[in-house]
Amino acid sequence: MTTDQFVLQTIEQIKMADTNEQVRPIITSFQQSATTDKVSTLLTAIENISPLECTSEQWSRLRYALMLLYKPGVPQVA
């Protein structure tokens, strides 16, 4: 699976989550199986999603995912 496919699949999983609690294991799993480069790609992909492309619930889950990715101890994109 390419990085882009992996990132798109993860974004779709986040969008399908019903609660923030369901987003946490998705991000944790992604971080454990991904390189820093893939995490950077996911951050960029989520940041580039327009709120007009998703429902308010999906937008909320994506914002929560960004918070988890940016939390202390996680390598940050320069």
PDB file of N, CA and C in Angstrom:
ATOM      1  N   MET A   1       0.859  -1.175   0.000  1.00  0.00           N
ATOM      2  CA  MET A   1       0.000   0.000   0.000  1.00  0.00           C
ATOM      3  C   MET A   1       0.905   1.239   0.000  1.00  0.00           C
ATOM      4  N   THR A   2       0.597   2.176  -0.873  1.00  0.00           N
ATOM      5  CA  THR A   2       1.379   3.400  -0.938  1.00  0.00           C
ATOM      6  C   THR A   2       1.044   4.316   0.234  1.00  0.00           C
ATOM      7  N   THR A   3       1.897   5.290   0.461  1.00  0.00           N
ATOM      8  CA  THR A   3       1.667   6.256   1.538  1.00  0.00           C
ATOM      9  C   THR A   3       0.350   6.987   1.330  1.00  0.00           C
ATOM     10  N   ASP A   4       0.081   7.400   0.104  1.00  0.00           N
ATOM     11  CA  ASP A   4      -1.159   8.131  -0.174  1.00  0.00           C
ATOM     12  C   ASP A   4      -2.392   7.276   0.120  1.00  0.00           C
ATOM     13  N   GLN A   5      -2.341   6.012  -0.274  1.00  0.00           N
ATOM     14  CA  GLN A   5      -3.462   5.120   0.010  1.00  0.00           C
ATOM     15  C   GLN A   5      -3.640   4.925   1.511  1.00  0.00           C
ATOM     16  N   PHE A   6      -2.527   4.764   2.212  1.00  0.00           N
ATOM     17  CA  PHE A   6      -2.553   4.578   3.662  1.00  0.00           C
ATOM     18  C   PHE A   6      -3.163   5.801   4.348  1.00  0.00           C
ATOM     19  N   VAL A   7      -2.766   6.980   3.911  1.00  0.00           N
ATOM     20  CA  VAL A   7      -3.280   8.233   4.480  1.00  0.00           C
ATOM     21  C   VAL A   7      -4.765   8.393   4.166  1.00  0.00           C
ATOM     22  N   LEU A   8      -5.160   8.155   2.916  1.00  0.00           N
ATOM     23  CA  LEU A   8      -6.569   8.280   2.541  1.00  0.00           C
ATOM     24  C   LEU A   8      -7.445   7.293   3.309  1.00  0.00           C
ATOM     25  N   GLN A   9      -6.957   6.088   3.485  1.00  0.00           N
ATOM     26  CA  GLN A   9      -7.696   5.087   4.251  1.00  0.00           C
ATOM     27  C   GLN A   9      -7.862   5.541   5.704  1.00  0.00           C
ATOM     28  N   THR A  10      -6.822   6.098   6.273  1.00  0.00           N
ATOM     29  CA  THR A  10      -6.884   6.583   7.652  1.00  0.00           C
ATOM     30  C   THR A  10      -7.864   7.740   7.780  1.00  0.00           C
ATOM     31  N   ILE A  11      -7.848   8.656   6.835  1.00  0.00           N
ATOM     32  CA  ILE A  11      -8.780   9.789   6.857  1.00  0.00           C
ATOM     33  C   ILE A  11     -10.219   9.294   6.775  1.00  0.00           C
ATOM     34  N   GLU A  12     -10.475   8.318   5.927  1.00  0.00           N
ATOM     35  CA  GLU A  12     -11.828   7.770   5.831  1.00  0.00           C
ATOM     36  C   GLU A  12     -12.258   7.107   7.130  1.00  0.00           C
ATOM     37  N   GLN A  13     -11.336   6.414   7.788  1.00  0.00           N
ATOM     38  CA  GLN A  13     -11.652   5.805   9.088  1.00  0.00           C
ATOM     39  C   GLN A  13     -12.003   6.873  10.114  1.00  0.00           C
ATOM     40  N   ILE A  14     -11.265   7.963  10.093  1.00  0.00           N
ATOM     41  CA  ILE A  14     -11.534   9.069  11.023  1.00  0.00           C
ATOM     42  C   ILE A  14     -12.909   9.664  10.732  1.00  0.00           C
ATOM     43  N   LYS A  15     -13.205   9.878   9.465  1.00  0.00           N
ATOM     44  CA  LYS A  15     -14.499  10.445   9.091  1.00  0.00           C
ATOM     45  C   LYS A  15     -15.664   9.547   9.497  1.00  0.00           C
ATOM     46  N   MET A  16     -15.445   8.233   9.485  1.00  0.00           N
ATOM     47  CA  MET A  16     -16.516   7.302   9.813  1.00  0.00           C
ATOM     48  C   MET A  16     -16.692   7.093  11.320  1.00  0.00           C
ATOM     49  N   ALA A  17     -15.749   7.585  12.109  1.00  0.00           N
ATOM     50  CA  ALA A  17     -15.837   7.418  13.561  1.00  0.00           C
ATOM     51  C   ALA A  17     -17.044   8.190  14.099  1.00  0.00           C
ATOM     52  N   ASP A  18     -17.721   7.593  15.079  1.00  0.00           N
ATOM     53  CA  ASP A  18     -18.901   8.232  15.668  1.00  0.00           C
ATOM     54  C   ASP A  18     -18.554   9.171  16.811  1.00  0.00           C
ATOM     55  N   THR A  19     -17.434   8.901  17.481  1.00  0.00           N
ATOM     56  CA  THR A  19     -17.031   9.721  18.629  1.00  0.00           C
ATOM     57  C   THR A  19     -15.529   9.959  18.582  1.00  0.00           C
ATOM     58  N   ASN A  20     -15.085  10.927  19.381  1.00  0.00           N
ATOM     59  CA  ASN A  20     -13.649  11.189  19.484  1.00  0.00           C
ATOM     60  C   ASN A  20     -12.918   9.993  20.079  1.00  0.00           C
ATOM     61  N   GLU A  21     -13.581   9.269  20.961  1.00  0.00           N
ATOM     62  CA  GLU A  21     -12.953   8.105  21.581  1.00  0.00           C
ATOM     63  C   GLU A  21     -12.617   7.037  20.531  1.00  0.00           C
ATOM     64  N   GLN A  22     -13.353   7.007  19.440  1.00  0.00           N
ATOM     65  CA  GLN A  22     -13.070   6.060  18.365  1.00  0.00           C
ATOM     66  C   GLN A  22     -11.923   6.548  17.473  1.00  0.00           C
ATOM     67  N   VAL A  23     -11.639   7.828  17.507  1.00  0.00           N
ATOM     68  CA  VAL A  23     -10.556   8.391  16.700  1.00  0.00           C
ATOM     69  C   VAL A  23      -9.199   8.064  17.333  1.00  0.00           C
ATOM     70  N   ARG A  24      -9.132   8.088  18.653  1.00  0.00           N
ATOM     71  CA  ARG A  24      -7.862   7.877  19.354  1.00  0.00           C
ATOM     72  C   ARG A  24      -7.155   6.581  18.930  1.00  0.00           C
ATOM     73  N   PRO A  25      -7.843   5.412  18.922  1.00  0.00           N
ATOM     74  CA  PRO A  25      -7.126   4.199  18.503  1.00  0.00           C
ATOM     75  C   PRO A  25      -6.714   4.208  17.027  1.00  0.00           C
ATOM     76  N   ILE A  26      -7.451   4.914  16.204  1.00  0.00           N
ATOM     77  CA  ILE A  26      -7.080   5.026  14.785  1.00  0.00           C
ATOM     78  C   ILE A  26      -5.747   5.757  14.671  1.00  0.00           C
ATOM     79  N   ILE A  27      -5.623   6.862  15.396  1.00  0.00           N
ATOM     80  CA  ILE A  27      -4.390   7.650  15.359  1.00  0.00           C
ATOM     81  C   ILE A  27      -3.246   6.884  16.006  1.00  0.00           C
ATOM     82  N   THR A  28      -3.516   6.240  17.131  1.00  0.00           N
ATOM     83  CA  THR A  28      -2.477   5.462  17.812  1.00  0.00           C
ATOM     84  C   THR A  28      -1.946   4.365  16.906  1.00  0.00           C
ATOM     85  N   SER A  29      -2.847   3.653  16.254  1.00  0.00           N
ATOM     86  CA  SER A  29      -2.451   2.587  15.329  1.00  0.00           C
ATOM     87  C   SER A  29      -1.640   3.145  14.166  1.00  0.00           C
ATOM     88  N   PHE A  30      -2.087   4.273  13.639  1.00  0.00           N
ATOM     89  CA  PHE A  30      -1.379   4.909  12.528  1.00  0.00           C
ATOM     90  C   PHE A  30       0.043   5.274  12.948  1.00  0.00           C
ATOM     91  N   GLN A  31       0.182   5.898  14.120  1.00  0.00           N
ATOM     92  CA  GLN A  31       1.496   6.328  14.586  1.00  0.00           C
ATOM     93  C   GLN A  31       2.427   5.146  14.824  1.00  0.00           C
ATOM     94  N   GLN A  32       1.891   4.046  15.292  1.00  0.00           N
ATOM     95  CA  GLN A  32       2.718   2.873  15.566  1.00  0.00           C
ATOM     96  C   GLN A  32       3.208   2.209  14.286  1.00  0.00           C
ATOM     97  N   SER A  33       2.412   2.283  13.243  1.00  0.00           N
ATOM     98  CA  SER A  33       2.778   1.597  12.005  1.00  0.00           C
ATOM     99  C   SER A  33       3.365   2.523  10.950  1.00  0.00           C
ATOM    100  N   ALA A  34       3.411   3.812  11.228  1.00  0.00           N
ATOM    101  CA  ALA A  34       3.854   4.767  10.215  1.00  0.00           C
ATOM    102  C   ALA A  34       5.210   5.370  10.561  1.00  0.00           C
ATOM    103  N   THR A  35       5.887   5.793   9.528  1.00  0.00           N
ATOM    104  CA  THR A  35       7.128   6.534   9.701  1.00  0.00           C
ATOM    105  C   THR A  35       6.792   8.006   9.939  1.00  0.00           C
ATOM    106  N   THR A  36       7.773   8.772  10.335  1.00  0.00           N
ATOM    107  CA  THR A  36       7.572  10.209  10.549  1.00  0.00           C
ATOM    108  C   THR A  36       7.099  10.873   9.259  1.00  0.00           C
ATOM    109  N   ASP A  37       7.576  10.381   8.141  1.00  0.00           N
ATOM    110  CA  ASP A  37       7.181  10.925   6.845  1.00  0.00           C
ATOM    111  C   ASP A  37       5.687  10.710   6.595  1.00  0.00           C
ATOM    112  N   LYS A  38       5.175   9.526   6.950  1.00  0.00           N
ATOM    113  CA  LYS A  38       3.746   9.248   6.764  1.00  0.00           C
ATOM    114  C   LYS A  38       2.903  10.103   7.697  1.00  0.00           C
ATOM    115  N   VAL A  39       3.383  10.301   8.928  1.00  0.00           N
ATOM    116  CA  VAL A  39       2.654  11.156   9.868  1.00  0.00           C
ATOM    117  C   VAL A  39       2.591  12.572   9.315  1.00  0.00           C
ATOM    118  N   SER A  40       3.689  13.043   8.774  1.00  0.00           N
ATOM    119  CA  SER A  40       3.730  14.369   8.161  1.00  0.00           C
ATOM    120  C   SER A  40       2.744  14.463   6.998  1.00  0.00           C
ATOM    121  N   THR A  41       2.674  13.413   6.189  1.00  0.00           N
ATOM    122  CA  THR A  41       1.751  13.382   5.053  1.00  0.00           C
ATOM    123  C   THR A  41       0.308  13.405   5.544  1.00  0.00           C
ATOM    124  N   LEU A  42       0.016  12.661   6.612  1.00  0.00           N
ATOM    125  CA  LEU A  42      -1.340  12.661   7.169  1.00  0.00           C
ATOM    126  C   LEU A  42      -1.700  14.043   7.704  1.00  0.00           C
ATOM    127  N   LEU A  43      -0.789  14.670   8.434  1.00  0.00           N
ATOM    128  CA  LEU A  43      -1.040  16.028   8.948  1.00  0.00           C
ATOM    129  C   LEU A  43      -1.371  16.986   7.809  1.00  0.00           C
ATOM    130  N   THR A  44      -0.570  16.960   6.777  1.00  0.00           N
ATOM    131  CA  THR A  44      -0.785  17.852   5.632  1.00  0.00           C
ATOM    132  C   THR A  44      -2.121  17.563   4.957  1.00  0.00           C
ATOM    133  N   ALA A  45      -2.423  16.282   4.786  1.00  0.00           N
ATOM    134  CA  ALA A  45      -3.676  15.905   4.119  1.00  0.00           C
ATOM    135  C   ALA A  45      -4.891  16.367   4.916  1.00  0.00           C
ATOM    136  N   ILE A  46      -4.855  16.189   6.232  1.00  0.00           N
ATOM    137  CA  ILE A  46      -5.992  16.614   7.068  1.00  0.00           C
ATOM    138  C   ILE A  46      -6.119  18.131   7.058  1.00  0.00           C
ATOM    139  N   GLU A  47      -4.994  18.821   7.154  1.00  0.00           N
ATOM    140  CA  GLU A  47      -5.030  20.286   7.159  1.00  0.00           C
ATOM    141  C   GLU A  47      -5.563  20.852   5.845  1.00  0.00           C
ATOM    142  N   ASN A  48      -5.416  20.107   4.754  1.00  0.00           N
ATOM    143  CA  ASN A  48      -5.863  20.581   3.447  1.00  0.00           C
ATOM    144  C   ASN A  48      -7.319  20.241   3.140  1.00  0.00           C
ATOM    145  N   ILE A  49      -7.981  19.531   4.044  1.00  0.00           N
ATOM    146  CA  ILE A  49      -9.400  19.215   3.831  1.00  0.00           C
ATOM    147  C   ILE A  49     -10.242  20.443   4.175  1.00  0.00           C
ATOM    148  N   SER A  50     -11.107  20.795   3.269  1.00  0.00           N
ATOM    149  CA  SER A  50     -11.999  21.928   3.488  1.00  0.00           C
ATOM    150  C   SER A  50     -13.192  21.496   4.344  1.00  0.00           C
ATOM    151  N   PRO A  51     -13.660  22.372   5.228  1.00  0.00           N
ATOM    152  CA  PRO A  51     -14.851  22.033   6.012  1.00  0.00           C
ATOM    153  C   PRO A  51     -16.082  21.828   5.131  1.00  0.00           C
ATOM    154  N   LEU A  52     -16.036  22.323   3.918  1.00  0.00           N
ATOM    155  CA  LEU A  52     -17.162  22.156   3.001  1.00  0.00           C
ATOM    156  C   LEU A  52     -17.229  20.751   2.413  1.00  0.00           C
ATOM    157  N   GLU A  53     -16.142  19.979   2.570  1.00  0.00           N
ATOM    158  CA  GLU A  53     -16.074  18.633   2.013  1.00  0.00           C
ATOM    159  C   GLU A  53     -16.639  17.567   2.943  1.00  0.00           C
ATOM    160  N   CYS A  54     -17.028  17.952   4.157  1.00  0.00           N
ATOM    161  CA  CYS A  54     -17.485  16.948   5.110  1.00  0.00           C
ATOM    162  C   CYS A  54     -18.560  17.532   6.034  1.00  0.00           C
ATOM    163  N   THR A  55     -19.187  16.653   6.782  1.00  0.00           N
ATOM    164  CA  THR A  55     -20.201  17.094   7.738  1.00  0.00           C
ATOM    165  C   THR A  55     -19.515  17.731   8.947  1.00  0.00           C
ATOM    166  N   SER A  56     -20.291  18.386   9.781  1.00  0.00           N
ATOM    167  CA  SER A  56     -19.704  19.020  10.967  1.00  0.00           C
ATOM    168  C   SER A  56     -19.113  17.973  11.913  1.00  0.00           C
ATOM    169  N   GLU A  57     -19.733  16.778  11.972  1.00  0.00           N
ATOM    170  CA  GLU A  57     -19.202  15.708  12.821  1.00  0.00           C
ATOM    171  C   GLU A  57     -17.864  15.212  12.279  1.00  0.00           C
ATOM    172  N   GLN A  58     -17.787  15.033  10.965  1.00  0.00           N
ATOM    173  CA  GLN A  58     -16.539  14.590  10.358  1.00  0.00           C
ATOM    174  C   GLN A  58     -15.444  15.634  10.563  1.00  0.00           C
ATOM    175  N   TRP A  59     -15.800  16.896  10.415  1.00  0.00           N
ATOM    176  CA  TRP A  59     -14.839  17.981  10.603  1.00  0.00           C
ATOM    177  C   TRP A  59     -14.321  17.977  12.042  1.00  0.00           C
ATOM    178  N   SER A  60     -15.216  17.768  12.978  1.00  0.00           N
ATOM    179  CA  SER A  60     -14.831  17.706  14.387  1.00  0.00           C
ATOM    180  C   SER A  60     -13.859  16.552  14.638  1.00  0.00           C
ATOM    181  N   ARG A  61     -14.122  15.392  14.054  1.00  0.00           N
ATOM    182  CA  ARG A  61     -13.237  14.234  14.238  1.00  0.00           C
ATOM    183  C   ARG A  61     -11.865  14.490  13.618  1.00  0.00           C
ATOM    184  N   LEU A  62     -11.843  15.138  12.470  1.00  0.00           N
ATOM    185  CA  LEU A  62     -10.567  15.459  11.826  1.00  0.00           C
ATOM    186  C   LEU A  62      -9.761  16.455  12.654  1.00  0.00           C
ATOM    187  N   ARG A  63     -10.423  17.432  13.241  1.00  0.00           N
ATOM    188  CA  ARG A  63      -9.736  18.403  14.110  1.00  0.00           C
ATOM    189  C   ARG A  63      -9.187  17.705  15.354  1.00  0.00           C
ATOM    190  N   TYR A  64      -9.958  16.778  15.889  1.00  0.00           N
ATOM    191  CA  TYR A  64      -9.512  16.016  17.056  1.00  0.00           C
ATOM    192  C   TYR A  64      -8.287  15.167  16.687  1.00  0.00           C
ATOM    193  N   ALA A  65      -8.309  14.578  15.523  1.00  0.00           N
ATOM    194  CA  ALA A  65      -7.171  13.788  15.059  1.00  0.00           C
ATOM    195  C   ALA A  65      -5.920  14.661  14.963  1.00  0.00           C
ATOM    196  N   LEU A  66      -6.077  15.883  14.472  1.00  0.00           N
ATOM    197  CA  LEU A  66      -4.938  16.802  14.412  1.00  0.00           C
ATOM    198  C   LEU A  66      -4.397  17.090  15.803  1.00  0.00           C
ATOM    199  N   MET A  67      -5.286  17.298  16.766  1.00  0.00           N
ATOM    200  CA  MET A  67      -4.847  17.541  18.144  1.00  0.00           C
ATOM    201  C   MET A  67      -4.013  16.365  18.647  1.00  0.00           C
ATOM    202  N   LEU A  68      -4.455  15.150  18.366  1.00  0.00           N
ATOM    203  CA  LEU A  68      -3.718  13.971  18.813  1.00  0.00           C
ATOM    204  C   LEU A  68      -2.353  13.869  18.125  1.00  0.00           C
ATOM    205  N   LEU A  69      -2.323  14.216  16.850  1.00  0.00           N
ATOM    206  CA  LEU A  69      -1.066  14.151  16.114  1.00  0.00           C
ATOM    207  C   LEU A  69      -0.084  15.222  16.553  1.00  0.00           C
ATOM    208  N   TYR A  70      -0.587  16.357  17.019  1.00  0.00           N
ATOM    209  CA  TYR A  70       0.263  17.452  17.451  1.00  0.00           C
ATOM    210  C   TYR A  70       0.604  17.419  18.937  1.00  0.00           C
ATOM    211  N   LYS A  71       0.098  16.433  19.658  1.00  0.00           N
ATOM    212  CA  LYS A  71       0.326  16.416  21.102  1.00  0.00           C
ATOM    213  C   LYS A  71       1.797  16.252  21.431  1.00  0.00           C
ATOM    214  N   PRO A  72       2.227  16.709  22.629  1.00  0.00           N
ATOM    215  CA  PRO A  72       3.649  16.650  22.999  1.00  0.00           C
ATOM    216  C   PRO A  72       4.203  15.233  22.881  1.00  0.00           C
ATOM    217  N   GLY A  73       5.459  15.172  22.436  1.00  0.00           N
ATOM    218  CA  GLY A  73       6.122  13.886  22.284  1.00  0.00           C
ATOM    219  C   GLY A  73       6.019  13.333  20.879  1.00  0.00           C
ATOM    220  N   VAL A  74       5.189  13.952  20.059  1.00  0.00           N
ATOM    221  CA  VAL A  74       5.041  13.521  18.671  1.00  0.00           C
ATOM    222  C   VAL A  74       5.897  14.442  17.812  1.00  0.00           C
ATOM    223  N   PRO A  75       6.735  13.902  16.945  1.00  0.00           N
ATOM    224  CA  PRO A  75       7.561  14.742  16.079  1.00  0.00           C
ATOM    225  C   PRO A  75       6.703  15.713  15.269  1.00  0.00           C
ATOM    226  N   GLN A  76       7.122  16.950  15.219  1.00  0.00           N
ATOM    227  CA  GLN A  76       6.372  17.981  14.528  1.00  0.00           C
ATOM    228  C   GLN A  76       6.970  18.243  13.157  1.00  0.00           C
ATOM    229  N   VAL A  77       6.112  18.632  12.248  1.00  0.00           N
ATOM    230  CA  VAL A  77       6.544  18.975  10.891  1.00  0.00           C
ATOM    231  C   VAL A  77       7.217  20.335  10.941  1.00  0.00           C
ATOM    232  N   ALA A  78       8.333  20.460  10.281  1.00  0.00           N
ATOM    233  CA  ALA A  78       9.067  21.735  10.293  1.00  0.00           C
ATOM    234  C   ALA A  78       8.375  22.763   9.441  1.00  0.00           C
TER     235      ALA A  78
END
